Amino acid sequence: MSAYCFFDILEVTDAEKMEAYRAGVVATVHQYGGRYVVIGGPLEVVEGHWQPAFPVMLEFPSLAEARRWYQSPEYEPLKALRLAATRGNAVFMDAPSVPH
């Protein structure tokens, strides 16, 4: 069952650190079986008041694989860069099997 990691980058507070993060993160996502589904782009709010600033969504084969990536030695220093360089939110979601 797929799992998704959703990040909403509300503000970049250190552009240099964020550039270093961007230079290394894609390889770690792929290394752990993930792929990018959404990276920014225009959006349209159709219900409610939520206003994502810069949404990023990753897909992994499972929630366990998403957690392995997030806690991996390869991603750990990059995560520290992102957390030091941005203000935002993140959630992990399991994608349940939906009967056809």
C-alpha atoms as a PDB file:
ATOM      1  CA  MET A   1       0.000   0.000   0.000  1.00  0.00           C
ATOM      2  CA  SER A   2       1.455   3.387  -0.964  1.00  0.00           C
ATOM      3  CA  ALA A   3       2.159   6.104   1.545  1.00  0.00           C
ATOM      4  CA  TYR A   4       2.541   9.832   1.042  1.00  0.00           C
ATOM      5  CA  CYS A   5       4.671  12.484   2.707  1.00  0.00           C
ATOM      6  CA  PHE A   6       3.206  15.962   2.399  1.00  0.00           C
ATOM      7  CA  PHE A   7       5.316  19.018   3.152  1.00  0.00           C
ATOM      8  CA  ASP A   8       4.035  22.581   3.012  1.00  0.00           C
ATOM      9  CA  ILE A   9       6.943  25.011   2.990  1.00  0.00           C
ATOM     10  CA  LEU A  10       5.445  28.215   4.376  1.00  0.00           C
ATOM     11  CA  GLU A  11       8.606  30.315   4.362  1.00  0.00           C
ATOM     12  CA  VAL A  12      12.260  29.958   3.400  1.00  0.00           C
ATOM     13  CA  THR A  13      14.356  31.700   6.042  1.00  0.00           C
ATOM     14  CA  ASP A  14      17.822  30.715   4.751  1.00  0.00           C
ATOM     15  CA  ALA A  15      18.112  30.417   0.954  1.00  0.00           C
ATOM     16  CA  GLU A  16      21.683  29.108   1.044  1.00  0.00           C
ATOM     17  CA  LYS A  17      20.811  26.192   3.323  1.00  0.00           C
ATOM     18  CA  MET A  18      17.726  25.460   1.256  1.00  0.00           C
ATOM     19  CA  GLU A  19      19.823  25.269  -1.914  1.00  0.00           C
ATOM     20  CA  ALA A  20      22.150  22.776  -0.211  1.00  0.00           C
ATOM     21  CA  TYR A  21      19.074  20.747   0.793  1.00  0.00           C
ATOM     22  CA  ARG A  22      17.681  20.754  -2.750  1.00  0.00           C
ATOM     23  CA  ALA A  23      21.032  19.638  -4.172  1.00  0.00           C
ATOM     24  CA  GLY A  24      20.976  16.411  -2.156  1.00  0.00           C
ATOM     25  CA  VAL A  25      17.420  15.443  -1.321  1.00  0.00           C
ATOM     26  CA  VAL A  26      16.222  13.926  -4.611  1.00  0.00           C
ATOM     27  CA  ALA A  27      18.861  11.170  -4.556  1.00  0.00           C
ATOM     28  CA  THR A  28      17.823  10.140  -1.035  1.00  0.00           C
ATOM     29  CA  VAL A  29      14.142   9.985  -1.973  1.00  0.00           C
ATOM     30  CA  HIS A  30      14.927   7.720  -4.938  1.00  0.00           C
ATOM     31  CA  GLN A  31      17.334   5.608  -2.868  1.00  0.00           C
ATOM     32  CA  TYR A  32      14.463   4.681  -0.530  1.00  0.00           C
ATOM     33  CA  GLY A  33      11.987   3.898  -3.315  1.00  0.00           C
ATOM     34  CA  GLY A  34      10.201   7.256  -3.267  1.00  0.00           C
ATOM     35  CA  ARG A  35       9.139   9.579  -6.029  1.00  0.00           C
ATOM     36  CA  TYR A  36       7.993  13.172  -6.220  1.00  0.00           C
ATOM     37  CA  VAL A  37       4.289  13.589  -7.004  1.00  0.00           C
ATOM     38  CA  VAL A  38       3.988  17.377  -6.463  1.00  0.00           C
ATOM     39  CA  ILE A  39       6.637  20.085  -6.221  1.00  0.00           C
ATOM     40  CA  GLY A  40       5.029  23.492  -5.824  1.00  0.00           C
ATOM     41  CA  GLY A  41       2.965  24.769  -8.705  1.00  0.00           C
ATOM     42  CA  PRO A  42      -0.333  26.589  -8.900  1.00  0.00           C
ATOM     43  CA  LEU A  43      -3.158  25.409  -6.705  1.00  0.00           C
ATOM     44  CA  GLU A  44      -6.813  26.166  -6.275  1.00  0.00           C
ATOM     45  CA  VAL A  45      -8.536  26.053  -2.906  1.00  0.00           C
ATOM     46  CA  VAL A  46     -12.029  24.676  -3.519  1.00  0.00           C
ATOM     47  CA  GLU A  47     -13.139  24.219   0.113  1.00  0.00           C
ATOM     48  CA  GLY A  48     -12.171  25.801   3.383  1.00  0.00           C
ATOM     49  CA  HIS A  49      -9.486  28.371   4.107  1.00  0.00           C
ATOM     50  CA  TRP A  50      -6.250  26.389   3.877  1.00  0.00           C
ATOM     51  CA  GLN A  51      -3.672  28.172   1.743  1.00  0.00           C
ATOM     52  CA  PRO A  52      -0.653  25.920   1.111  1.00  0.00           C
ATOM     53  CA  ALA A  53       2.379  28.049   0.267  1.00  0.00           C
ATOM     54  CA  PHE A  54       4.708  25.567  -1.476  1.00  0.00           C
ATOM     55  CA  PRO A  55       3.351  22.016  -1.337  1.00  0.00           C
ATOM     56  CA  VAL A  56       5.617  19.016  -1.896  1.00  0.00           C
ATOM     57  CA  MET A  57       4.251  15.474  -1.972  1.00  0.00           C
ATOM     58  CA  LEU A  58       6.332  12.308  -2.067  1.00  0.00           C
ATOM     59  CA  GLU A  59       5.049   8.788  -2.642  1.00  0.00           C
ATOM     60  CA  PHE A  60       6.715   5.711  -1.131  1.00  0.00           C
ATOM     61  CA  PRO A  61       5.785   2.040  -1.501  1.00  0.00           C
ATOM     62  CA  SER A  62       4.746   1.916   2.168  1.00  0.00           C
ATOM     63  CA  LEU A  63       4.646   3.968   5.346  1.00  0.00           C
ATOM     64  CA  ALA A  64       7.561   1.886   6.634  1.00  0.00           C
ATOM     65  CA  GLU A  65       9.666   2.913   3.611  1.00  0.00           C
ATOM     66  CA  ALA A  66       8.693   6.564   4.074  1.00  0.00           C
ATOM     67  CA  ARG A  67       9.811   6.397   7.695  1.00  0.00           C
ATOM     68  CA  ARG A  68      13.041   4.601   6.738  1.00  0.00           C
ATOM     69  CA  TRP A  69      13.837   7.482   4.356  1.00  0.00           C
ATOM     70  CA  TYR A  70      12.869  10.196   6.865  1.00  0.00           C
ATOM     71  CA  GLN A  71      15.040   8.627   9.597  1.00  0.00           C
ATOM     72  CA  SER A  72      17.884   7.502   7.318  1.00  0.00           C
ATOM     73  CA  PRO A  73      21.513   8.506   7.787  1.00  0.00           C
ATOM     74  CA  GLU A  74      21.458   9.868   4.218  1.00  0.00           C
ATOM     75  CA  TYR A  75      18.493  12.171   4.852  1.00  0.00           C
ATOM     76  CA  GLU A  76      19.265  13.178   8.460  1.00  0.00           C
ATOM     77  CA  PRO A  77      21.762  15.990   7.623  1.00  0.00           C
ATOM     78  CA  LEU A  78      19.517  17.223   4.808  1.00  0.00           C
ATOM     79  CA  LYS A  79      16.493  17.246   7.102  1.00  0.00           C
ATOM     80  CA  ALA A  80      18.512  19.360   9.562  1.00  0.00           C
ATOM     81  CA  LEU A  81      19.267  21.819   6.734  1.00  0.00           C
ATOM     82  CA  ARG A  82      15.585  22.024   5.723  1.00  0.00           C
ATOM     83  CA  LEU A  83      14.418  22.529   9.291  1.00  0.00           C
ATOM     84  CA  ALA A  84      17.022  25.263   9.802  1.00  0.00           C
ATOM     85  CA  ALA A  85      16.171  26.909   6.473  1.00  0.00           C
ATOM     86  CA  THR A  86      12.374  26.864   6.452  1.00  0.00           C
ATOM     87  CA  ARG A  87       9.176  27.201   8.383  1.00  0.00           C
ATOM     88  CA  GLY A  88       6.530  24.668   7.433  1.00  0.00           C
ATOM     89  CA  ASN A  89       4.435  21.614   8.154  1.00  0.00           C
ATOM     90  CA  ALA A  90       4.759  17.931   7.306  1.00  0.00           C
ATOM     91  CA  VAL A  91       2.478  14.904   7.524  1.00  0.00           C
ATOM     92  CA  PHE A  92       2.759  11.247   6.531  1.00  0.00           C
ATOM     93  CA  MET A  93      -0.343   9.456   5.250  1.00  0.00           C
ATOM     94  CA  ASP A  94      -1.115   5.831   4.488  1.00  0.00           C
ATOM     95  CA  ALA A  95      -3.084   5.331   1.295  1.00  0.00           C
ATOM     96  CA  PRO A  96      -5.743   2.759   2.153  1.00  0.00           C
ATOM     97  CA  SER A  97      -6.821   0.151  -0.342  1.00  0.00           C
ATOM     98  CA  VAL A  98     -10.145   1.229  -1.776  1.00  0.00           C
ATOM     99  CA  PRO A  99     -12.476  -1.489  -3.044  1.00  0.00           C
ATOM    100  CA  HIS A 100     -13.394  -1.148  -6.699  1.00  0.00           C
END
